[in-house]
Amino acid sequence: MEAVAEGWRARFPGASRRVSRFARSVAVLGLVASSAGCILTKDLPDPALDIPEGYKAARLTKPQDAPPTLDWWRGFRSRELTTLMEEAQTVNLDIAAATARFLQADAQARIAGAALLPTLSGSGSESYSRTSGSSSSGLTNGGREVVNYQASLSASYELDFWGKNRDAAQAAEETAVANRFDRDVIALTTLTTVANAYFQVLAAQDRIRTAERNIASAVRILNAIKERLQAGTGNDLDVAQQETVVANQRALVPPLRQTLDQNINALATLGSRPPESVRVIGGTLNQIVSPRVTPGLPSELLTQRPDIRRQEAQLASATANVGNARAQFFPSIQLTGQGGYQSSALASLFQPQAAFFSMVGSLTQPIFDGGRILGNFEFTKARQDELLQTYRKTVVQAFADVDNALMSIRQTTERLRLQREVVASSRRAFQLSEQQLRAGTADIVTVLNTQLTLFQAEDSLSQAQLARLLAIVSLYQALGGGWEPRMERPVDAL
């Protein structure tokens, strides 16, 4: 390459000096452009966030308390749940669509970054022409044939003097980052939905079993009342009332089976499979371990929650767009050049005398555009302010989500403890009333009241267990569990 350059300078000394001056001018303008771009794009607003020292619903945690792990669902100690979670991570269609969206954003970032580099194109041509053999005086000759060969390279480059192109590339890159975080938001939502649906399945199975036990107990009481009727110590009203209890308990089963089937179908959809090919064994909520979740400090949410990071990236993209819109008020400087060889004979095409080149520098200053540039600048500023307020709301909402989840865990834990006491006392009362019924000393009203109280208490116990598990899942989601805080860049910085 050095030999070729020396040959070029030896053959065209004047051109060499002009190219050197041109290159020095471009270098100086590029240096100034880089500094000017930095000056014009310092538009990042101050979010003015009020970060609390701790959550209202929890004490300040110890420094060694860690945020939720990536596989937080393993804390529930359910193999089937773990299998469903891992399957959803790999085949869920919402996650796949979000992945495709950030790949699109990556491509858009590369397109926007191309303006920072010069464009270079090569061309080659062969032209053939023949003049007419007739002249205006009526004299003729054989005409003339002309063949022309040309090979050339052309280049163009816009000096990013005001940082317009760099801001556009930065905006596209931050949008790509936001799309990556959006994928993480969808993944986290998908995983928590899988966990919630699975726990709904277990709760429905528990409630169906409870209803079937209650039906058996109600039928047993009905048979005892019929025996009293046959013995002459009962009446038809007592039988009718107990038959109503049995019918009501049986009527509770179809809605529970519907809930069970709907949640199994939801798990199939989350796993991207038809319901016919999904078999969920389930079990009981009593086999699920309730893990301990440490919330950490509120400031950790700014890096733990992917939705907050997404809003940060969108705000950064809007800020870069403001710099791009401001730079459009200033002139654009375009540099173009072309060089190559042209000859009528192919054998002499690359001879020194066949070489040609041209260099052009142009400057374009907007004067009147009907307010388009000003309108675009005001639009980008308003868009930036909108995303700033959205970012602030997202952070505030994140703090509220954690507090709500912590409060929900506390209250559902207390509700579960009290409900277990209710079930224990209701079961004892029902057993005593059934014994007295068979002994002929119990009032039928007392028996009806105790059995209905027990049936409702046992069903409420399953619902209380479900509510506590859902509260734990909501805390994992509020803390950004299952997502690894990291900053990914879709393309190399230009």
Protein backbone atom coordinates (compact mmCIF):
# COMPACT_ATOMS: atom_id res chain seq x y z
CA MET A 1 0.00 0.00 0.00
CA GLU A 2 2.87 2.39 0.77
CA ALA A 3 4.41 1.71 -2.65
CA VAL A 4 1.12 2.50 -4.35
CA ALA A 5 0.81 5.75 -2.39
CA GLU A 6 4.36 6.78 -3.32
CA GLY A 7 3.62 6.06 -6.95
CA TRP A 8 0.47 8.16 -6.82
CA ARG A 9 2.33 11.10 -5.24
CA ALA A 10 5.11 10.87 -7.80
CA ARG A 11 2.71 10.93 -10.73
CA PHE A 12 0.40 13.63 -9.37
CA PRO A 13 2.36 15.95 -7.06
CA GLY A 14 -0.25 18.72 -7.17
CA ALA A 15 -3.09 16.36 -6.41
CA SER A 16 -1.13 14.95 -3.48
CA ARG A 17 -0.78 18.38 -1.88
CA ARG A 18 -4.44 19.15 -2.39
CA VAL A 19 -5.49 15.82 -0.87
CA SER A 20 -3.23 16.44 2.13
CA ARG A 21 -4.73 19.86 2.76
CA PHE A 22 -8.20 18.40 2.34
CA ALA A 23 -7.46 15.59 4.80
CA ARG A 24 -6.08 18.02 7.40
CA SER A 25 -9.19 20.15 7.09
CA VAL A 26 -11.41 17.11 7.55
CA ALA A 27 -9.44 16.05 10.64
CA VAL A 28 -9.77 19.49 12.26
CA LEU A 29 -13.49 19.64 11.49
CA GLY A 30 -13.96 16.13 12.88
CA LEU A 31 -12.23 17.06 16.14
CA VAL A 32 -14.38 20.13 16.57
CA ALA A 33 -17.47 18.14 15.62
CA SER A 34 -16.88 15.58 18.32
CA SER A 35 -16.56 18.25 21.01
CA ALA A 36 -19.52 20.23 19.68
CA GLY A 37 -21.70 17.13 19.70
CA CYS A 38 -20.89 16.52 23.36
CA ILE A 39 -21.82 20.09 24.24
CA LEU A 40 -25.17 19.95 22.47
CA THR A 41 -26.35 16.62 23.83
CA LYS A 42 -26.05 17.24 27.57
CA ASP A 43 -29.82 17.22 27.97
CA LEU A 44 -30.34 14.41 30.48
CA PRO A 45 -32.89 15.73 33.00
CA ASP A 46 -32.69 15.26 36.74
CA PRO A 47 -35.42 12.78 37.78
CA ALA A 48 -35.39 14.20 41.35
CA LEU A 49 -36.27 10.84 42.90
CA ASP A 50 -37.06 10.57 46.59
CA ILE A 51 -35.54 7.21 47.59
CA PRO A 52 -36.76 6.05 51.03
CA GLU A 53 -34.34 4.50 53.48
CA GLY A 54 -36.53 1.45 53.97
CA TYR A 55 -39.90 -0.02 53.13
CA LYS A 56 -42.86 0.96 55.26
CA ALA A 57 -44.02 -2.64 55.63
CA ALA A 58 -40.62 -4.09 56.56
CA ARG A 59 -37.70 -3.35 58.83
CA LEU A 60 -34.40 -2.35 57.32
CA THR A 61 -32.77 -5.55 56.16
CA LYS A 62 -29.27 -6.59 57.03
CA PRO A 63 -26.49 -5.80 54.55
CA GLN A 64 -25.93 -9.49 53.84
CA ASP A 65 -29.51 -9.99 52.70
CA ALA A 66 -29.41 -10.73 48.98
CA PRO A 67 -32.01 -10.00 46.30
CA PRO A 68 -34.01 -12.89 44.85
CA THR A 69 -32.01 -15.45 42.92
CA LEU A 70 -32.54 -16.08 39.22
CA ASP A 71 -34.26 -19.39 39.93
CA TRP A 72 -36.38 -18.10 42.80
CA TRP A 73 -39.14 -20.64 42.12
CA ARG A 74 -36.95 -23.47 43.43
CA GLY A 75 -37.58 -22.14 46.92
CA PHE A 76 -41.10 -23.63 46.78
CA ARG A 77 -39.55 -27.13 46.55
CA SER A 78 -41.84 -28.37 43.76
CA ARG A 79 -40.27 -30.36 40.94
CA GLU A 80 -43.29 -29.96 38.71
CA LEU A 81 -43.29 -26.20 39.16
CA THR A 82 -39.58 -26.07 38.33
CA THR A 83 -40.18 -28.09 35.16
CA LEU A 84 -43.00 -25.78 34.07
CA MET A 85 -40.86 -22.70 34.76
CA GLU A 86 -37.88 -23.96 32.77
CA GLU A 87 -40.13 -24.96 29.89
CA ALA A 88 -41.77 -21.53 29.78
CA GLN A 89 -38.38 -19.82 29.66
CA THR A 90 -37.43 -21.68 26.48
CA VAL A 91 -40.68 -22.02 24.52
CA ASN A 92 -43.01 -19.22 25.64
CA LEU A 93 -44.23 -17.33 22.57
CA ASP A 94 -44.45 -13.92 24.28
CA ILE A 95 -40.77 -14.17 25.26
CA ALA A 96 -39.89 -15.29 21.72
CA ALA A 97 -41.75 -12.32 20.23
CA ALA A 98 -39.98 -9.93 22.63
CA THR A 99 -36.64 -11.43 21.61
CA ALA A 100 -37.49 -10.82 17.96
CA ARG A 101 -38.33 -7.22 18.79
CA PHE A 102 -34.96 -6.49 20.36
CA LEU A 103 -33.24 -8.11 17.35
CA GLN A 104 -35.18 -5.67 15.18
CA ALA A 105 -34.04 -2.83 17.42
CA ASP A 106 -30.43 -4.02 17.09
CA ALA A 107 -30.75 -3.84 13.32
CA GLN A 108 -32.23 -0.34 13.53
CA ALA A 109 -29.30 0.72 15.72
CA ARG A 110 -26.85 -0.51 13.10
CA ILE A 111 -28.76 1.36 10.41
CA ALA A 112 -28.67 4.59 12.43
CA GLY A 113 -24.96 4.14 13.21
CA ALA A 114 -24.08 3.82 9.53
CA ALA A 115 -24.41 7.62 9.13
CA LEU A 116 -21.31 8.08 11.30
CA LEU A 117 -19.12 6.38 8.71
CA PRO A 118 -18.35 7.40 5.13
CA THR A 119 -20.02 5.60 2.27
CA LEU A 120 -17.84 4.12 -0.44
CA SER A 121 -18.98 2.68 -3.73
CA GLY A 122 -17.21 1.41 -6.80
CA SER A 123 -18.37 1.39 -10.40
CA GLY A 124 -17.16 0.19 -13.74
CA SER A 125 -18.64 0.83 -17.16
CA GLU A 126 -18.11 0.29 -20.85
CA SER A 127 -19.89 2.58 -23.32
CA TYR A 128 -20.13 2.20 -27.08
CA SER A 129 -21.41 4.88 -29.45
CA ARG A 130 -21.47 5.46 -33.20
CA THR A 131 -22.03 8.78 -34.95
CA SER A 132 -24.17 9.10 -38.03
CA GLY A 133 -22.51 8.77 -41.44
CA SER A 134 -24.67 11.53 -42.96
CA SER A 135 -24.05 15.26 -42.67
CA SER A 136 -26.29 18.24 -43.23
CA SER A 137 -24.63 19.00 -46.62
CA GLY A 138 -25.55 15.60 -47.96
CA LEU A 139 -21.97 14.34 -47.89
CA THR A 140 -21.52 10.98 -46.23
CA ASN A 141 -18.72 9.13 -44.64
CA GLY A 142 -18.37 5.91 -42.77
CA GLY A 143 -19.32 7.46 -39.39
CA ARG A 144 -17.30 7.12 -36.21
CA GLU A 145 -17.39 4.51 -33.45
CA VAL A 146 -16.32 5.44 -29.92
CA VAL A 147 -15.63 2.99 -27.08
CA ASN A 148 -15.07 4.31 -23.55
CA TYR A 149 -14.03 2.37 -20.43
CA GLN A 150 -14.28 3.72 -16.90
CA ALA A 151 -13.48 2.38 -13.41
CA SER A 152 -14.01 4.65 -10.41
CA LEU A 153 -14.50 4.87 -6.65
CA SER A 154 -16.79 7.46 -5.07
CA ALA A 155 -17.03 8.37 -1.39
CA SER A 156 -19.21 10.71 0.63
CA TYR A 157 -19.22 11.71 4.27
CA GLU A 158 -21.28 14.10 6.34
CA LEU A 159 -19.28 15.85 9.02
CA ASP A 160 -21.16 15.32 12.26
CA PHE A 161 -20.18 18.80 13.37
CA TRP A 162 -23.16 19.29 15.70
CA GLY A 163 -23.54 15.67 16.81
CA LYS A 164 -26.75 15.08 14.87
CA ASN A 165 -25.85 11.66 13.53
CA ARG A 166 -24.21 10.54 16.75
CA ASP A 167 -27.32 11.48 18.71
CA ALA A 168 -29.50 9.56 16.25
CA ALA A 169 -27.26 6.51 16.63
CA GLN A 170 -27.30 6.87 20.42
CA ALA A 171 -31.10 7.10 20.43
CA ALA A 172 -31.39 3.92 18.37
CA GLU A 173 -28.91 2.12 20.60
CA GLU A 174 -30.77 3.08 23.78
CA THR A 175 -34.02 1.95 22.17
CA ALA A 176 -32.40 -1.43 21.53
CA VAL A 177 -31.35 -1.58 25.19
CA ALA A 178 -34.91 -0.73 26.24
CA ASN A 179 -36.20 -3.59 24.08
CA ARG A 180 -33.84 -5.97 25.87
CA PHE A 181 -35.22 -4.89 29.21
CA ASP A 182 -38.73 -5.21 27.82
CA ARG A 183 -37.94 -8.84 27.05
CA ASP A 184 -36.87 -9.27 30.68
CA VAL A 185 -40.12 -7.68 31.89
CA ILE A 186 -42.14 -10.10 29.77
CA ALA A 187 -40.04 -13.05 30.96
CA LEU A 188 -40.57 -12.09 34.62
CA THR A 189 -44.31 -11.63 34.06
CA THR A 190 -44.51 -15.00 32.30
CA LEU A 191 -42.75 -16.80 35.13
CA THR A 192 -44.91 -15.27 37.83
CA THR A 193 -48.01 -16.14 35.78
CA VAL A 194 -46.87 -19.75 35.56
CA ALA A 195 -46.36 -19.88 39.33
CA ASN A 196 -49.74 -18.29 40.02
CA ALA A 197 -51.53 -20.65 37.62
CA TYR A 198 -49.83 -23.69 39.15
CA PHE A 199 -50.78 -22.68 42.67
CA GLN A 200 -54.34 -22.10 41.44
CA VAL A 201 -54.32 -25.68 40.17
CA LEU A 202 -53.19 -26.99 43.56
CA ALA A 203 -55.75 -24.87 45.38
CA ALA A 204 -58.55 -26.08 43.10
CA GLN A 205 -57.51 -29.68 43.72
CA ASP A 206 -57.47 -29.09 47.48
CA ARG A 207 -60.88 -27.44 47.41
CA ILE A 208 -62.35 -30.25 45.30
CA ARG A 209 -61.07 -32.81 47.79
CA THR A 210 -62.47 -30.74 50.64
CA ALA A 211 -65.83 -30.49 48.89
CA GLU A 212 -65.91 -34.25 48.32
CA ARG A 213 -65.14 -34.89 52.00
CA ASN A 214 -67.85 -32.43 52.98
CA ILE A 215 -70.32 -34.17 50.68
CA ALA A 216 -69.50 -37.48 52.32
CA SER A 217 -69.96 -35.94 55.78
CA ALA A 218 -73.25 -34.32 54.78
CA VAL A 219 -74.52 -37.63 53.35
CA ARG A 220 -73.52 -39.37 56.57
CA ILE A 221 -75.51 -36.82 58.59
CA LEU A 222 -78.44 -37.19 56.16
CA ASN A 223 -78.48 -40.92 56.71
CA ALA A 224 -78.43 -40.39 60.47
CA ILE A 225 -81.40 -38.00 60.26
CA LYS A 226 -83.32 -40.50 58.11
CA GLU A 227 -82.68 -43.15 60.76
CA ARG A 228 -84.17 -40.81 63.36
CA LEU A 229 -87.15 -40.28 61.10
CA GLN A 230 -87.69 -44.00 60.80
CA ALA A 231 -87.36 -44.33 64.57
CA GLY A 232 -90.01 -41.66 65.07
CA THR A 233 -87.68 -39.09 66.65
CA GLY A 234 -87.20 -36.95 63.52
CA ASN A 235 -89.34 -35.17 60.95
CA ASP A 236 -89.44 -34.48 57.24
CA LEU A 237 -88.26 -30.90 57.72
CA ASP A 238 -84.96 -32.09 59.20
CA VAL A 239 -84.46 -34.41 56.23
CA ALA A 240 -85.25 -31.65 53.71
CA GLN A 241 -82.84 -29.25 55.36
CA GLN A 242 -80.01 -31.76 55.29
CA GLU A 243 -80.78 -32.70 51.69
CA THR A 244 -80.37 -29.00 50.88
CA VAL A 245 -76.96 -29.03 52.53
CA VAL A 246 -75.90 -32.03 50.46
CA ALA A 247 -77.15 -30.44 47.24
CA ASN A 248 -75.33 -27.17 47.99
CA GLN A 249 -72.05 -28.99 48.59
CA ARG A 250 -72.41 -30.90 45.35
CA ALA A 251 -73.15 -27.65 43.48
CA LEU A 252 -69.77 -26.27 44.60
CA VAL A 253 -67.78 -28.92 42.72
CA PRO A 254 -68.44 -27.95 39.03
CA PRO A 255 -67.10 -24.36 39.38
CA LEU A 256 -64.00 -25.73 41.11
CA ARG A 257 -63.40 -28.24 38.31
CA GLN A 258 -63.86 -25.42 35.81
CA THR A 259 -61.22 -23.35 37.62
CA LEU A 260 -58.91 -26.37 37.63
CA ASP A 261 -59.28 -26.94 33.88
CA GLN A 262 -58.88 -23.25 33.06
CA ASN A 263 -55.61 -22.98 34.95
CA ILE A 264 -54.26 -26.17 33.39
CA ASN A 265 -55.10 -24.71 29.98
CA ALA A 266 -53.34 -21.48 31.01
CA LEU A 267 -50.21 -23.48 31.83
CA ALA A 268 -50.45 -25.14 28.42
CA THR A 269 -50.65 -21.74 26.71
CA LEU A 270 -47.69 -20.43 28.68
CA GLY A 271 -45.76 -23.53 27.61
CA SER A 272 -46.80 -23.03 23.96
CA ARG A 273 -48.56 -26.37 23.78
CA PRO A 274 -52.18 -27.42 23.09
CA PRO A 275 -54.11 -28.34 26.25
CA GLU A 276 -54.54 -31.91 25.04
CA SER A 277 -50.79 -32.52 25.27
CA VAL A 278 -50.35 -31.13 28.79
CA ARG A 279 -50.69 -33.22 31.90
CA VAL A 280 -50.36 -31.45 35.22
CA ILE A 281 -50.26 -33.83 38.18
CA GLY A 282 -50.51 -31.13 40.80
CA GLY A 283 -50.99 -32.31 44.35
CA THR A 284 -51.74 -30.16 47.36
CA LEU A 285 -50.74 -26.80 48.72
CA ASN A 286 -49.65 -28.54 51.91
CA GLN A 287 -46.60 -29.88 50.06
CA ILE A 288 -45.41 -26.42 48.99
CA VAL A 289 -42.70 -24.80 51.07
CA SER A 290 -43.07 -21.08 51.73
CA PRO A 291 -39.64 -19.51 51.09
CA ARG A 292 -38.36 -16.50 52.96
CA VAL A 293 -37.92 -13.47 50.74
CA THR A 294 -35.62 -10.62 51.78
CA PRO A 295 -36.55 -7.33 50.13
CA GLY A 296 -33.20 -5.58 50.60
CA LEU A 297 -33.06 -1.78 50.36
CA PRO A 298 -35.35 0.39 48.22
CA SER A 299 -32.40 1.79 46.24
CA GLU A 300 -31.68 -1.74 44.94
CA LEU A 301 -34.93 -1.65 42.99
CA LEU A 302 -33.38 0.85 40.58
CA THR A 303 -31.14 -1.92 39.27
CA GLN A 304 -33.18 -5.03 40.13
CA ARG A 305 -36.41 -4.25 38.30
CA PRO A 306 -36.22 -4.54 34.51
CA ASP A 307 -39.18 -2.21 33.97
CA ILE A 308 -37.26 0.59 35.69
CA ARG A 309 -34.19 -0.10 33.56
CA ARG A 310 -36.39 -0.10 30.48
CA GLN A 311 -37.76 3.33 31.35
CA GLU A 312 -34.21 4.59 31.95
CA ALA A 313 -33.16 3.45 28.49
CA GLN A 314 -36.24 4.99 26.88
CA LEU A 315 -35.53 8.27 28.65
CA ALA A 316 -31.91 8.18 27.46
CA SER A 317 -33.12 7.54 23.91
CA ALA A 318 -35.50 10.50 24.11
CA THR A 319 -32.68 12.68 25.44
CA ALA A 320 -30.47 11.76 22.48
CA ASN A 321 -33.36 12.59 20.16
CA VAL A 322 -33.51 16.06 21.71
CA GLY A 323 -29.85 16.60 20.81
CA ASN A 324 -30.52 15.34 17.29
CA ALA A 325 -33.49 17.70 16.89
CA ARG A 326 -31.46 20.67 18.15
CA ALA A 327 -28.60 19.92 15.76
CA GLN A 328 -30.96 20.17 12.80
CA PHE A 329 -31.06 23.95 13.30
CA PHE A 330 -27.40 24.16 12.28
CA PRO A 331 -25.73 23.70 8.87
CA SER A 332 -24.85 20.28 7.52
CA ILE A 333 -21.44 19.79 5.91
CA GLN A 334 -21.14 17.15 3.21
CA LEU A 335 -17.87 15.95 1.70
CA THR A 336 -17.83 13.95 -1.54
CA GLY A 337 -15.04 12.66 -3.65
CA GLN A 338 -14.58 10.57 -6.75
CA GLY A 339 -11.53 9.14 -8.45
CA GLY A 340 -10.68 6.51 -11.01
CA TYR A 341 -9.56 5.83 -14.53
CA GLN A 342 -11.14 6.54 -17.90
CA SER A 343 -9.85 5.48 -21.30
CA SER A 344 -11.04 4.60 -24.79
CA ALA A 345 -8.76 1.55 -24.81
CA LEU A 346 -9.05 -1.19 -22.22
CA ALA A 347 -5.29 -1.86 -22.35
CA SER A 348 -4.47 1.71 -21.31
CA LEU A 349 -7.27 2.08 -18.72
CA PHE A 350 -4.99 2.02 -15.68
CA GLN A 351 -2.26 4.23 -17.11
CA PRO A 352 -1.36 7.41 -15.19
CA GLN A 353 -2.70 9.68 -17.91
CA ALA A 354 -6.13 7.98 -17.67
CA ALA A 355 -6.62 8.89 -14.01
CA PHE A 356 -9.12 11.49 -12.83
CA PHE A 357 -10.45 12.68 -9.47
CA SER A 358 -12.76 15.30 -7.97
CA MET A 359 -13.45 16.53 -4.41
CA VAL A 360 -16.41 18.64 -3.33
CA GLY A 361 -17.34 20.12 0.02
CA SER A 362 -20.83 21.56 0.50
CA LEU A 363 -22.64 23.32 3.34
CA THR A 364 -26.42 23.48 3.68
CA GLN A 365 -28.11 25.83 6.13
CA PRO A 366 -31.88 25.63 6.72
CA ILE A 367 -33.48 29.03 6.23
CA PHE A 368 -37.21 28.48 6.01
CA ASP A 369 -39.04 25.17 6.38
CA GLY A 370 -42.45 26.25 7.61
CA GLY A 371 -41.59 25.46 11.25
CA ARG A 372 -40.83 21.79 10.66
CA ILE A 373 -37.50 21.76 12.52
CA LEU A 374 -38.86 23.84 15.41
CA GLY A 375 -41.93 21.64 15.67
CA ASN A 376 -39.78 18.52 15.70
CA PHE A 377 -37.58 19.99 18.44
CA GLU A 378 -40.58 20.90 20.60
CA PHE A 379 -42.04 17.43 20.01
CA THR A 380 -38.87 15.67 21.16
CA LYS A 381 -38.65 17.90 24.25
CA ALA A 382 -42.25 17.08 25.16
CA ARG A 383 -41.61 13.39 24.52
CA GLN A 384 -38.58 13.54 26.80
CA ASP A 385 -40.66 15.14 29.56
CA GLU A 386 -43.34 12.48 29.16
CA LEU A 387 -40.81 9.68 29.55
CA LEU A 388 -39.25 11.45 32.53
CA GLN A 389 -42.58 11.50 34.33
CA THR A 390 -43.23 7.88 33.33
CA TYR A 391 -39.83 6.90 34.71
CA ARG A 392 -40.53 8.66 38.02
CA LYS A 393 -43.95 7.01 38.27
CA THR A 394 -42.42 3.59 37.55
CA VAL A 395 -39.95 4.03 40.41
CA VAL A 396 -42.63 5.25 42.83
CA GLN A 397 -44.92 2.41 41.78
CA ALA A 398 -42.10 -0.07 42.35
CA PHE A 399 -41.75 1.04 45.97
CA ALA A 400 -45.52 0.73 46.41
CA ASP A 401 -45.52 -2.75 44.82
CA VAL A 402 -42.94 -4.02 47.30
CA ASP A 403 -44.74 -2.48 50.28
CA ASN A 404 -48.05 -3.94 49.12
CA ALA A 405 -46.50 -7.37 48.68
CA LEU A 406 -44.83 -7.25 52.09
CA MET A 407 -48.06 -6.17 53.73
CA SER A 408 -49.95 -8.88 51.87
CA ILE A 409 -47.53 -11.55 53.08
CA ARG A 410 -47.84 -10.32 56.64
CA GLN A 411 -51.64 -10.22 56.61
CA THR A 412 -52.12 -13.50 54.72
CA THR A 413 -49.74 -15.23 57.12
CA GLU A 414 -51.79 -14.01 60.06
CA ARG A 415 -55.02 -14.95 58.27
CA LEU A 416 -53.68 -18.46 57.62
CA ARG A 417 -52.73 -18.91 61.28
CA LEU A 418 -56.17 -17.80 62.46
CA GLN A 419 -57.97 -19.86 59.84
CA ARG A 420 -56.21 -23.01 60.97
CA GLU A 421 -57.52 -22.32 64.47
CA VAL A 422 -61.01 -21.83 63.05
CA VAL A 423 -60.80 -25.19 61.22
CA ALA A 424 -59.58 -26.99 64.33
CA SER A 425 -62.35 -25.63 66.55
CA SER A 426 -65.01 -26.11 63.83
CA ARG A 427 -63.98 -29.72 63.29
CA ARG A 428 -64.20 -30.44 67.01
CA ALA A 429 -67.65 -28.81 67.23
CA PHE A 430 -68.90 -30.82 64.24
CA GLN A 431 -67.59 -34.10 65.65
CA LEU A 432 -69.33 -33.43 68.97
CA SER A 433 -72.60 -32.50 67.29
CA GLU A 434 -72.48 -35.65 65.14
CA GLN A 435 -71.91 -37.80 68.21
CA GLN A 436 -74.86 -36.16 69.99
CA LEU A 437 -77.00 -36.61 66.88
CA ARG A 438 -76.37 -40.34 66.86
CA ALA A 439 -77.05 -40.42 70.61
CA GLY A 440 -80.34 -38.61 70.03
CA THR A 441 -79.47 -35.63 72.22
CA ALA A 442 -78.47 -33.05 69.60
CA ASP A 443 -80.68 -30.37 68.12
CA ILE A 444 -80.77 -30.57 64.31
CA VAL A 445 -80.21 -26.82 64.05
CA THR A 446 -76.96 -27.18 65.98
CA VAL A 447 -75.83 -29.97 63.70
CA LEU A 448 -76.62 -27.92 60.58
CA ASN A 449 -74.75 -24.88 61.92
CA THR A 450 -71.64 -26.79 62.95
CA GLN A 451 -71.31 -28.70 59.68
CA LEU A 452 -71.79 -25.57 57.54
CA THR A 453 -69.24 -23.72 59.65
CA LEU A 454 -66.73 -26.53 59.19
CA PHE A 455 -67.33 -26.78 55.44
CA GLN A 456 -66.78 -23.04 54.98
CA ALA A 457 -63.75 -23.00 57.29
CA GLU A 458 -62.00 -25.82 55.41
CA ASP A 459 -62.62 -24.15 52.06
CA SER A 460 -61.42 -20.80 53.41
CA LEU A 461 -58.26 -22.50 54.66
CA SER A 462 -57.33 -23.55 51.12
CA GLN A 463 -58.01 -20.03 49.90
CA ALA A 464 -55.85 -18.57 52.67
CA GLN A 465 -52.98 -20.89 51.74
CA LEU A 466 -53.32 -19.83 48.11
CA ALA A 467 -53.43 -16.13 49.01
CA ARG A 468 -50.18 -16.40 50.96
CA LEU A 469 -48.36 -18.15 48.13
CA LEU A 470 -49.63 -15.60 45.61
CA ALA A 471 -48.42 -12.82 47.91
CA ILE A 472 -44.94 -14.38 47.98
CA VAL A 473 -44.91 -14.61 44.17
CA SER A 474 -46.00 -10.97 43.92
CA LEU A 475 -43.09 -9.97 46.16
CA TYR A 476 -40.66 -11.83 43.91
CA GLN A 477 -42.13 -9.96 40.95
CA ALA A 478 -42.06 -6.61 42.75
CA LEU A 479 -38.36 -7.12 43.56
CA GLY A 480 -37.49 -8.03 39.98
CA GLY A 481 -36.69 -11.63 40.88
CA GLY A 482 -35.57 -13.95 38.12
CA TRP A 483 -33.77 -11.20 36.24
CA GLU A 484 -30.05 -10.60 36.35
CA PRO A 485 -29.17 -6.90 36.58
CA ARG A 486 -26.79 -6.17 33.73
CA MET A 487 -26.35 -3.59 31.01
CA GLU A 488 -26.29 -5.08 27.54
CA ARG A 489 -25.19 -3.07 24.55
CA PRO A 490 -26.62 -4.29 21.26
CA VAL A 491 -23.85 -2.90 19.09
CA ASP A 492 -20.34 -1.64 19.61
CA ALA A 493 -20.14 2.03 20.42
CA LEU A 494 -19.17 4.03 17.40
